[in-house]
Amino acid sequence: MRALVVLCALVCSQLLSPSSRAGDDAAPGSVQAFAEALATAVRARAEAEGWHGGVRLLLDDSRGVDLPKARATLLPRVRKALKGLYAADGPLKARLALSEEGGKLWAVVVVDGPGLDGPSTIVVSASVDRELSSALGAVSKLTQGRFLLERKGLLPLTPSCAVLDAALVDVDGDPALELAVLSRCGVEAFHVDGAQMERVAGPLALPEKRWPRVALGWLVAVGSPGERTHTLWAATSAGHSVVVDVRPSAKDAVREAPAERVPLRSVATRDGPLALHWRFGSPLLSLPLISAGGVDVTVPGLPPRLRDLVRFPVGDSWIFVAEDGSLMARNDAGVVEPLAPERCGDRILLVDIDADAEPELLTTSASAPGEPDQLVLRRLGPGLSSSTVLLKSPLSGGSIVGVAYGHVDFDIRLDVLVLEELASGDVQVWRLEHAP
């Protein structure tokens, strides 16, 4: 009888012990597994890059995921799994963005802060099952896509030349375009498809002029839409307006262009880029629109002064940055509506980066003095009545001084190049691409 009691006690203790409760020996649930996988990836990156100090983890963006649910369910698990690495007041900031794409849940963590050369990106994914769907509200949306930023390297620029703008141009006649840069020293071009960027043209000096306090520039390829060209129109707030031929064999490489005009970066006709009037030393441009042949183009609904202007490829719709930095759209019916509640910078581009026949809008965000610029990619709503942020990044914390798009390699995808001026004065080149 005593042996039976002892045996019963042993069995009962095993049944009630924490190590043998149902589910403890099984694999963790998918939410916990996803949190642990993400924490493991962050810890591995921290060890590889030698991060110093704690990391603040913030969940500040989501697509196809219920953000409040994710903050309540996933975020505490990731913080706990990070163990000694997470600190609410740590010097490093980790921004976590979640998105559901094609039946997978993606987590993208961008870490930046003191001691890092630039933002460090960690990506983890998992298939969406019933638990993830219930816990995070993840719903499959096959139309969503991901966009990745790749650091290409520093431009080998002429020393002490402040970059003003950038464009893509054909220097050597092969399928890959070269990156042309306008600075206070002139125009030079670089081959960017490779391990290192090398200068292939210039610098071609601008005529001597007195620069105003605010140095601005506009650089646009001259030609009809889609045409591969070796000529550029460069204009500056100092009053330069020249056409530049970047071919090594060009005899008259720099010649005068129409004075007091600024070419638009994303608007061209068969005759070449449209232009606006400029005011000396001012970032504001003034109507009317002027064609390459000198003919005024009337577009009802546009303000008399604006910072930048692009034309939607279908219909008679226009997107512009108003004088106060508001991002606005004028649709086919002539109705003007805001595209975003926040202010925008003075650079906007329309580019179909994911090849879905619907162009995305690339903008720079307005930043307070001393704050880094942010690159913002937006999906436009029906009728240009709204926009949705697809990607937002401060890059390395510098100032965005140029954005251009085209084919810089030999594949069929469009490449978007972003030039960022760092605190050191160096210019970092980034490539933005769609990763299906």
Protein backbone atom coordinates (compact mmCIF):
# COMPACT_ATOMS: atom_id res chain seq x y z
CA MET A 1 0.00 0.00 0.00
CA ARG A 2 2.85 2.37 0.88
CA ALA A 3 4.50 1.59 -2.46
CA LEU A 4 1.25 2.40 -4.25
CA VAL A 5 1.03 5.77 -2.48
CA VAL A 6 4.63 6.60 -3.38
CA LEU A 7 4.01 5.62 -7.00
CA CYS A 8 0.86 7.74 -7.13
CA ALA A 9 2.74 10.68 -5.65
CA LEU A 10 5.47 10.36 -8.25
CA VAL A 11 2.99 10.15 -11.13
CA CYS A 12 0.98 13.07 -9.84
CA SER A 13 4.08 15.19 -9.33
CA GLN A 14 5.12 14.47 -12.92
CA LEU A 15 1.68 15.37 -14.21
CA LEU A 16 1.67 18.61 -12.28
CA SER A 17 5.29 19.61 -12.86
CA PRO A 18 5.88 22.60 -15.18
CA SER A 19 8.18 20.62 -17.45
CA SER A 20 5.49 18.13 -18.42
CA ARG A 21 2.43 20.32 -18.85
CA ALA A 22 0.67 20.03 -22.18
CA GLY A 23 2.39 22.09 -24.87
CA ASP A 24 5.62 22.81 -22.96
CA ASP A 25 7.64 20.25 -24.92
CA ALA A 26 5.98 21.17 -28.19
CA ALA A 27 7.22 23.89 -30.53
CA PRO A 28 6.21 27.42 -29.50
CA GLY A 29 3.22 29.02 -31.16
CA SER A 30 3.77 30.89 -34.42
CA VAL A 31 3.59 34.33 -32.76
CA GLN A 32 6.24 33.37 -30.19
CA ALA A 33 8.35 31.65 -32.87
CA PHE A 34 8.21 34.76 -35.05
CA ALA A 35 9.19 36.97 -32.10
CA GLU A 36 12.13 34.70 -31.23
CA ALA A 37 13.30 34.52 -34.86
CA LEU A 38 13.25 38.30 -35.09
CA ALA A 39 15.08 38.72 -31.78
CA THR A 40 17.71 36.16 -32.85
CA ALA A 41 18.33 38.03 -36.10
CA VAL A 42 18.69 41.35 -34.26
CA ARG A 43 21.08 39.87 -31.71
CA ALA A 44 23.19 38.31 -34.47
CA ARG A 45 23.46 41.66 -36.25
CA ALA A 46 24.34 43.41 -32.99
CA GLU A 47 27.18 40.96 -32.38
CA ALA A 48 28.44 41.18 -35.97
CA GLU A 49 28.48 44.99 -36.01
CA GLY A 50 29.57 45.50 -32.41
CA TRP A 51 26.66 47.60 -31.18
CA HIS A 52 27.30 49.42 -27.92
CA GLY A 53 24.50 50.23 -25.47
CA GLY A 54 20.89 49.17 -25.32
CA VAL A 55 18.38 49.20 -28.16
CA ARG A 56 14.97 50.86 -28.05
CA LEU A 57 12.48 48.83 -30.09
CA LEU A 58 9.48 50.70 -31.50
CA LEU A 59 6.71 49.38 -33.75
CA ASP A 60 5.73 52.40 -35.81
CA ASP A 61 4.38 51.13 -39.13
CA SER A 62 2.32 48.28 -40.57
CA ARG A 63 0.61 47.21 -43.78
CA GLY A 64 -1.99 44.46 -43.77
CA VAL A 65 -1.49 44.12 -39.98
CA ASP A 66 -3.56 45.54 -37.14
CA LEU A 67 -1.07 47.91 -35.49
CA PRO A 68 -2.66 48.02 -31.98
CA LYS A 69 -2.88 44.20 -31.95
CA ALA A 70 0.75 43.87 -33.02
CA ARG A 71 1.88 46.30 -30.33
CA ALA A 72 -0.03 44.39 -27.67
CA THR A 73 0.80 40.85 -28.82
CA LEU A 74 4.11 40.76 -30.69
CA LEU A 75 6.12 43.71 -29.43
CA PRO A 76 6.38 42.59 -25.76
CA ARG A 77 7.49 39.11 -26.86
CA VAL A 78 10.25 40.50 -29.08
CA ARG A 79 11.47 42.82 -26.32
CA LYS A 80 11.55 39.92 -23.85
CA ALA A 81 13.36 37.66 -26.33
CA LEU A 82 16.02 40.35 -26.81
CA LYS A 83 16.94 39.83 -23.13
CA GLY A 84 19.78 42.17 -22.14
CA LEU A 85 19.90 43.93 -25.52
CA TYR A 86 16.57 45.78 -25.20
CA ALA A 87 16.54 48.96 -23.11
CA ALA A 88 13.70 51.48 -23.03
CA ASP A 89 16.20 54.34 -22.85
CA GLY A 90 18.98 52.81 -24.97
CA PRO A 91 21.05 55.01 -27.31
CA LEU A 92 20.20 52.93 -30.40
CA LYS A 93 16.75 53.17 -31.95
CA ALA A 94 15.23 50.15 -33.72
CA ARG A 95 12.16 50.93 -35.82
CA LEU A 96 10.08 47.84 -36.56
CA ALA A 97 7.68 47.77 -39.52
CA LEU A 98 5.34 44.85 -40.22
CA SER A 99 3.67 44.01 -43.51
CA GLU A 100 1.64 41.13 -44.88
CA GLU A 101 2.48 40.29 -48.50
CA GLY A 102 1.45 37.26 -50.48
CA GLY A 103 0.60 35.14 -47.45
CA LYS A 104 3.79 36.00 -45.57
CA LEU A 105 4.36 38.26 -42.60
CA TRP A 106 7.46 40.44 -43.01
CA ALA A 107 9.26 42.28 -40.23
CA VAL A 108 11.79 44.93 -41.22
CA VAL A 109 13.88 46.44 -38.42
CA VAL A 110 15.99 49.53 -39.14
CA VAL A 111 18.52 50.32 -36.39
CA ASP A 112 20.39 53.60 -36.22
CA GLY A 113 22.11 55.70 -33.60
CA PRO A 114 25.55 56.67 -32.28
CA GLY A 115 28.46 54.44 -33.25
CA LEU A 116 26.83 53.08 -36.43
CA ASP A 117 28.13 54.01 -39.88
CA GLY A 118 24.55 54.10 -41.14
CA PRO A 119 21.17 52.43 -40.64
CA SER A 120 21.34 48.64 -40.25
CA THR A 121 18.41 46.68 -41.69
CA ILE A 122 17.22 43.24 -40.53
CA VAL A 123 14.46 41.36 -42.37
CA VAL A 124 12.57 38.27 -41.09
CA SER A 125 9.51 36.58 -42.60
CA ALA A 126 7.09 33.77 -41.76
CA SER A 127 4.05 32.21 -43.42
CA VAL A 128 0.78 33.57 -42.07
CA ASP A 129 -1.14 30.84 -40.27
CA ARG A 130 -4.36 30.99 -38.26
CA GLU A 131 -2.59 32.05 -35.05
CA LEU A 132 -0.71 34.92 -36.69
CA SER A 133 -3.81 36.01 -38.54
CA SER A 134 -5.87 36.04 -35.33
CA ALA A 135 -3.21 37.59 -33.08
CA LEU A 136 -2.01 40.30 -35.48
CA GLY A 137 -4.99 40.77 -37.75
CA ALA A 138 -2.78 39.83 -40.72
CA VAL A 139 -4.82 39.49 -43.90
CA SER A 140 -3.37 38.41 -47.25
CA LYS A 141 -3.09 41.24 -49.81
CA LEU A 142 -1.27 40.02 -52.89
CA THR A 143 -0.96 43.50 -54.38
CA GLN A 144 1.44 44.71 -51.71
CA GLY A 145 5.15 44.80 -52.46
CA ARG A 146 8.37 45.44 -50.64
CA PHE A 147 10.92 48.11 -51.41
CA LEU A 148 14.54 47.87 -50.34
CA LEU A 149 17.29 50.47 -50.05
CA GLU A 150 20.83 49.42 -50.94
CA ARG A 151 23.88 51.51 -50.06
CA LYS A 152 26.01 51.81 -53.23
CA GLY A 153 28.92 53.79 -51.76
CA LEU A 154 30.42 57.27 -51.71
CA LEU A 155 30.72 59.36 -54.86
CA PRO A 156 34.32 60.22 -55.85
CA LEU A 157 33.43 63.88 -56.24
CA THR A 158 35.69 66.82 -56.92
CA PRO A 159 36.64 68.12 -53.43
CA SER A 160 34.64 71.00 -51.88
CA CYS A 161 31.82 70.77 -54.43
CA ALA A 162 28.32 70.91 -52.95
CA VAL A 163 25.94 68.65 -54.90
CA LEU A 164 22.76 70.38 -56.10
CA ASP A 165 20.95 67.78 -58.22
CA ALA A 166 21.30 64.53 -60.18
CA ALA A 167 20.00 62.88 -63.35
CA LEU A 168 20.72 59.80 -65.46
CA VAL A 169 22.40 60.21 -68.85
CA ASP A 170 23.94 58.06 -71.59
CA VAL A 171 27.69 58.76 -71.81
CA ASP A 172 29.03 55.73 -73.68
CA GLY A 173 26.08 54.38 -75.66
CA ASP A 174 25.66 51.06 -73.83
CA PRO A 175 22.32 50.00 -72.24
CA ALA A 176 23.35 51.12 -68.73
CA LEU A 177 22.90 54.81 -67.95
CA GLU A 178 25.39 56.88 -65.99
CA LEU A 179 24.74 59.12 -62.99
CA ALA A 180 25.20 62.81 -63.78
CA VAL A 181 25.73 65.18 -60.86
CA LEU A 182 25.32 68.96 -60.82
CA SER A 183 27.40 70.77 -58.20
CA ARG A 184 28.76 74.26 -57.69
CA CYS A 185 31.85 73.06 -59.58
CA GLY A 186 29.92 71.98 -62.67
CA VAL A 187 28.60 68.73 -64.13
CA GLU A 188 30.30 65.33 -63.92
CA ALA A 189 29.10 61.79 -64.65
CA PHE A 190 29.82 58.47 -62.94
CA HIS A 191 29.43 54.80 -63.81
CA VAL A 192 27.57 53.27 -60.85
CA ASP A 193 26.91 49.64 -61.87
CA GLY A 194 29.77 47.85 -60.16
CA ALA A 195 31.74 47.47 -56.97
CA GLN A 196 33.13 51.01 -57.27
CA MET A 197 31.84 54.20 -58.85
CA GLU A 198 34.17 55.82 -61.34
CA ARG A 199 34.06 59.19 -63.08
CA VAL A 200 33.44 58.90 -66.83
CA ALA A 201 32.86 62.56 -67.74
CA GLY A 202 33.72 66.02 -66.42
CA PRO A 203 33.78 67.98 -64.34
CA LEU A 204 32.49 70.42 -66.94
CA ALA A 205 32.65 73.86 -65.33
CA LEU A 206 29.74 76.30 -65.20
CA PRO A 207 30.20 79.95 -66.22
CA GLU A 208 31.44 82.21 -63.41
CA LYS A 209 28.52 83.69 -61.46
CA ARG A 210 27.89 85.00 -57.97
CA TRP A 211 26.14 82.40 -55.82
CA PRO A 212 23.28 83.48 -53.53
CA ARG A 213 23.01 82.45 -49.89
CA VAL A 214 20.84 79.45 -50.85
CA ALA A 215 22.52 77.40 -53.59
CA LEU A 216 19.99 75.32 -55.55
CA GLY A 217 20.16 73.41 -58.80
CA TRP A 218 18.06 71.56 -61.35
CA LEU A 219 19.49 68.92 -63.71
CA VAL A 220 17.32 67.27 -66.39
CA ALA A 221 18.05 65.01 -69.35
CA VAL A 222 17.12 66.75 -72.61
CA GLY A 223 14.95 64.70 -74.95
CA SER A 224 11.53 63.19 -75.38
CA PRO A 225 10.21 60.75 -72.73
CA GLY A 226 12.05 57.41 -72.82
CA GLU A 227 14.79 58.68 -75.11
CA ARG A 228 18.40 57.85 -74.26
CA THR A 229 20.28 61.14 -74.39
CA HIS A 230 23.77 62.49 -73.78
CA THR A 231 22.70 66.09 -73.16
CA LEU A 232 21.50 67.73 -69.93
CA TRP A 233 19.89 71.03 -69.04
CA ALA A 234 21.44 72.49 -65.88
CA ALA A 235 20.03 75.51 -64.06
CA THR A 236 20.95 77.02 -60.70
CA SER A 237 19.73 79.66 -58.28
CA ALA A 238 22.86 81.67 -59.24
CA GLY A 239 21.37 82.20 -62.69
CA HIS A 240 23.08 79.47 -64.69
CA SER A 241 21.06 77.96 -67.53
CA VAL A 242 23.18 75.76 -69.80
CA VAL A 243 22.96 72.67 -71.96
CA VAL A 244 25.76 70.18 -71.24
CA ASP A 245 26.97 67.39 -73.58
CA VAL A 246 28.69 64.72 -71.46
CA ARG A 247 30.23 62.71 -74.33
CA PRO A 248 34.04 62.68 -74.21
CA SER A 249 34.12 63.63 -77.91
CA ALA A 250 31.85 66.68 -77.52
CA LYS A 251 33.49 69.86 -78.85
CA ASP A 252 30.96 72.39 -77.55
CA ALA A 253 30.28 70.67 -74.22
CA VAL A 254 28.66 73.62 -72.38
CA ARG A 255 26.43 76.11 -74.18
CA GLU A 256 23.81 78.61 -73.09
CA ALA A 257 20.17 77.58 -72.56
CA PRO A 258 17.10 79.81 -72.21
CA ALA A 259 17.79 82.28 -69.40
CA GLU A 260 15.66 82.62 -66.27
CA ARG A 261 14.09 79.19 -66.73
CA VAL A 262 14.24 76.04 -64.62
CA PRO A 263 13.54 72.65 -66.28
CA LEU A 264 11.10 70.30 -64.59
CA ARG A 265 12.62 66.95 -63.57
CA SER A 266 9.62 64.73 -64.41
CA VAL A 267 7.77 66.60 -67.14
CA ALA A 268 8.82 66.37 -70.78
CA THR A 269 7.23 66.70 -74.22
CA ARG A 270 8.47 65.52 -77.60
CA ASP A 271 10.51 68.73 -77.81
CA GLY A 272 12.14 68.32 -74.39
CA PRO A 273 11.47 69.27 -70.77
CA LEU A 274 8.92 71.86 -69.73
CA ALA A 275 10.21 74.78 -67.69
CA LEU A 276 9.14 77.42 -65.18
CA HIS A 277 10.45 80.87 -64.35
CA TRP A 278 12.84 81.19 -61.41
CA ARG A 279 13.57 84.00 -59.00
CA PHE A 280 17.17 84.75 -58.10
CA GLY A 281 18.21 82.89 -54.95
CA SER A 282 14.73 81.47 -54.28
CA PRO A 283 13.54 77.85 -54.23
CA LEU A 284 10.14 78.94 -55.56
CA LEU A 285 9.24 78.60 -59.22
CA SER A 286 6.62 80.68 -61.04
CA LEU A 287 4.06 79.94 -63.77
CA PRO A 288 3.45 79.86 -66.66
CA LEU A 289 4.77 76.54 -67.85
CA ILE A 290 6.96 76.98 -70.92
CA SER A 291 7.69 74.34 -73.58
CA ALA A 292 11.13 73.79 -75.08
CA GLY A 293 9.95 75.82 -78.06
CA GLY A 294 9.06 78.79 -75.85
CA VAL A 295 5.28 78.29 -75.93
CA ASP A 296 3.25 78.92 -72.77
CA VAL A 297 1.32 75.88 -71.47
CA THR A 298 -1.83 76.66 -69.50
CA VAL A 299 -2.91 74.30 -66.70
CA PRO A 300 -5.91 75.68 -64.76
CA GLY A 301 -5.84 75.10 -61.02
CA LEU A 302 -2.09 75.34 -60.42
CA PRO A 303 -0.89 78.01 -57.97
CA PRO A 304 1.20 80.91 -59.32
CA ARG A 305 4.24 79.75 -57.32
CA LEU A 306 5.33 76.26 -56.36
CA ARG A 307 8.39 74.20 -55.44
CA ASP A 308 8.14 71.28 -57.88
CA LEU A 309 5.67 69.86 -60.37
CA VAL A 310 5.17 66.49 -62.12
CA ARG A 311 2.60 65.29 -64.63
CA PHE A 312 0.68 62.04 -64.22
CA PRO A 313 1.31 59.91 -67.35
CA VAL A 314 -2.39 59.33 -68.04
CA GLY A 315 -4.87 62.15 -68.66
CA ASP A 316 -4.30 65.73 -67.65
CA SER A 317 -3.48 65.28 -63.97
CA TRP A 318 -0.65 67.06 -62.15
CA ILE A 319 1.03 66.70 -58.74
CA PHE A 320 2.84 69.61 -57.16
CA VAL A 321 4.46 70.90 -53.99
CA ALA A 322 2.88 74.23 -53.10
CA GLU A 323 4.74 77.27 -51.81
CA ASP A 324 4.11 76.22 -48.20
CA GLY A 325 5.28 72.62 -48.78
CA SER A 326 1.81 71.07 -49.14
CA LEU A 327 1.67 68.00 -51.41
CA MET A 328 -1.26 68.58 -53.76
CA ALA A 329 -2.85 67.01 -56.85
CA ARG A 330 -4.88 68.53 -59.67
CA ASN A 331 -6.98 65.78 -61.28
CA ASP A 332 -8.40 65.45 -64.81
CA ALA A 333 -11.47 67.46 -63.83
CA GLY A 334 -9.31 70.36 -62.64
CA VAL A 335 -10.10 69.74 -58.95
CA VAL A 336 -7.17 70.40 -56.58
CA GLU A 337 -6.95 68.23 -53.44
CA PRO A 338 -4.25 67.48 -50.84
CA LEU A 339 -2.43 64.15 -51.22
CA ALA A 340 -1.01 64.03 -47.69
CA PRO A 341 -1.60 65.85 -44.39
CA GLU A 342 2.11 66.43 -43.72
CA ARG A 343 4.42 68.86 -45.48
CA CYS A 344 6.67 67.68 -48.30
CA GLY A 345 10.19 68.61 -49.42
CA ASP A 346 10.97 70.24 -52.75
CA ARG A 347 11.70 67.08 -54.80
CA ILE A 348 9.02 64.81 -56.26
CA LEU A 349 9.32 62.09 -58.90
CA LEU A 350 6.76 59.79 -60.50
CA VAL A 351 8.19 56.34 -61.25
CA ASP A 352 6.65 52.90 -61.72
CA ILE A 353 9.23 51.16 -59.57
CA ASP A 354 7.30 47.89 -59.12
CA ALA A 355 6.27 47.60 -62.80
CA ASP A 356 2.54 47.30 -62.10
CA ALA A 357 1.58 50.04 -64.62
CA GLU A 358 0.71 52.39 -61.74
CA PRO A 359 3.45 54.95 -60.97
CA GLU A 360 4.52 55.54 -57.38
CA LEU A 361 5.31 59.02 -56.06
CA LEU A 362 8.75 59.57 -54.56
CA THR A 363 9.14 62.62 -52.35
CA THR A 364 11.44 64.03 -49.73
CA SER A 365 9.83 64.98 -46.43
CA ALA A 366 10.06 68.41 -44.92
CA SER A 367 12.51 68.45 -41.99
CA ALA A 368 13.12 70.97 -39.24
CA PRO A 369 16.57 72.63 -39.14
CA GLY A 370 19.14 70.12 -37.92
CA GLU A 371 16.86 67.14 -38.58
CA PRO A 372 17.69 64.54 -41.28
CA ASP A 373 15.74 64.45 -44.54
CA GLN A 374 13.47 61.47 -45.11
CA LEU A 375 12.81 59.64 -48.35
CA VAL A 376 9.11 58.81 -48.78
CA LEU A 377 7.57 56.48 -51.37
CA ARG A 378 3.80 56.76 -51.79
CA ARG A 379 1.11 54.79 -53.61
CA LEU A 380 -1.45 57.12 -55.19
CA GLY A 381 -5.17 56.61 -54.59
CA PRO A 382 -7.90 56.54 -57.25
CA GLY A 383 -8.45 59.90 -58.87
CA LEU A 384 -5.40 61.31 -57.06
CA SER A 385 -7.56 61.94 -54.00
CA SER A 386 -5.14 60.44 -51.48
CA SER A 387 -1.84 58.61 -51.05
CA THR A 388 -0.48 55.79 -48.89
CA VAL A 389 3.08 55.62 -47.56
CA LEU A 390 4.88 52.48 -48.76
CA LEU A 391 8.34 53.33 -47.46
CA LYS A 392 9.83 56.05 -45.29
CA SER A 393 13.49 56.22 -44.37
CA PRO A 394 15.90 58.83 -42.96
CA LEU A 395 18.76 57.02 -44.78
CA SER A 396 21.98 57.81 -42.88
CA GLY A 397 20.65 60.98 -41.27
CA GLY A 398 21.95 63.44 -43.88
CA SER A 399 20.38 65.72 -46.51
CA ILE A 400 18.90 64.39 -49.76
CA VAL A 401 20.51 66.38 -52.58
CA GLY A 402 19.47 64.39 -55.66
CA VAL A 403 17.02 61.75 -56.87
CA ALA A 404 17.00 60.17 -60.33
CA TYR A 405 15.63 57.04 -62.00
CA GLY A 406 16.33 54.90 -65.05
CA HIS A 407 18.35 51.78 -65.92
CA VAL A 408 21.87 51.84 -64.45
CA ASP A 409 22.51 48.12 -65.04
CA PHE A 410 21.56 45.56 -67.67
CA ASP A 411 18.34 44.16 -66.22
CA ILE A 412 14.78 45.23 -67.03
CA ARG A 413 13.97 46.82 -63.67
CA LEU A 414 13.99 50.55 -63.14
CA ASP A 415 16.60 51.79 -60.67
CA VAL A 416 16.04 54.78 -58.40
CA LEU A 417 19.22 56.47 -57.18
CA VAL A 418 19.19 58.75 -54.14
CA LEU A 419 22.10 61.04 -53.27
CA GLU A 420 22.52 61.89 -49.59
CA GLU A 421 24.99 64.48 -48.32
CA LEU A 422 26.45 63.36 -44.99
CA ALA A 423 27.65 65.53 -42.11
CA SER A 424 31.22 64.88 -43.27
CA GLY A 425 30.49 66.46 -46.65
CA ASP A 426 30.69 63.11 -48.48
CA VAL A 427 27.82 62.11 -50.76
CA GLN A 428 26.37 58.63 -50.25
CA VAL A 429 24.55 56.96 -53.16
CA TRP A 430 21.59 54.66 -52.43
CA ARG A 431 19.62 52.47 -54.81
CA LEU A 432 15.92 51.95 -54.17
CA GLU A 433 14.39 48.88 -55.78
CA HIS A 434 11.34 46.71 -55.66
CA ALA A 435 11.86 43.22 -54.23
CA PRO A 436 8.85 41.06 -55.16
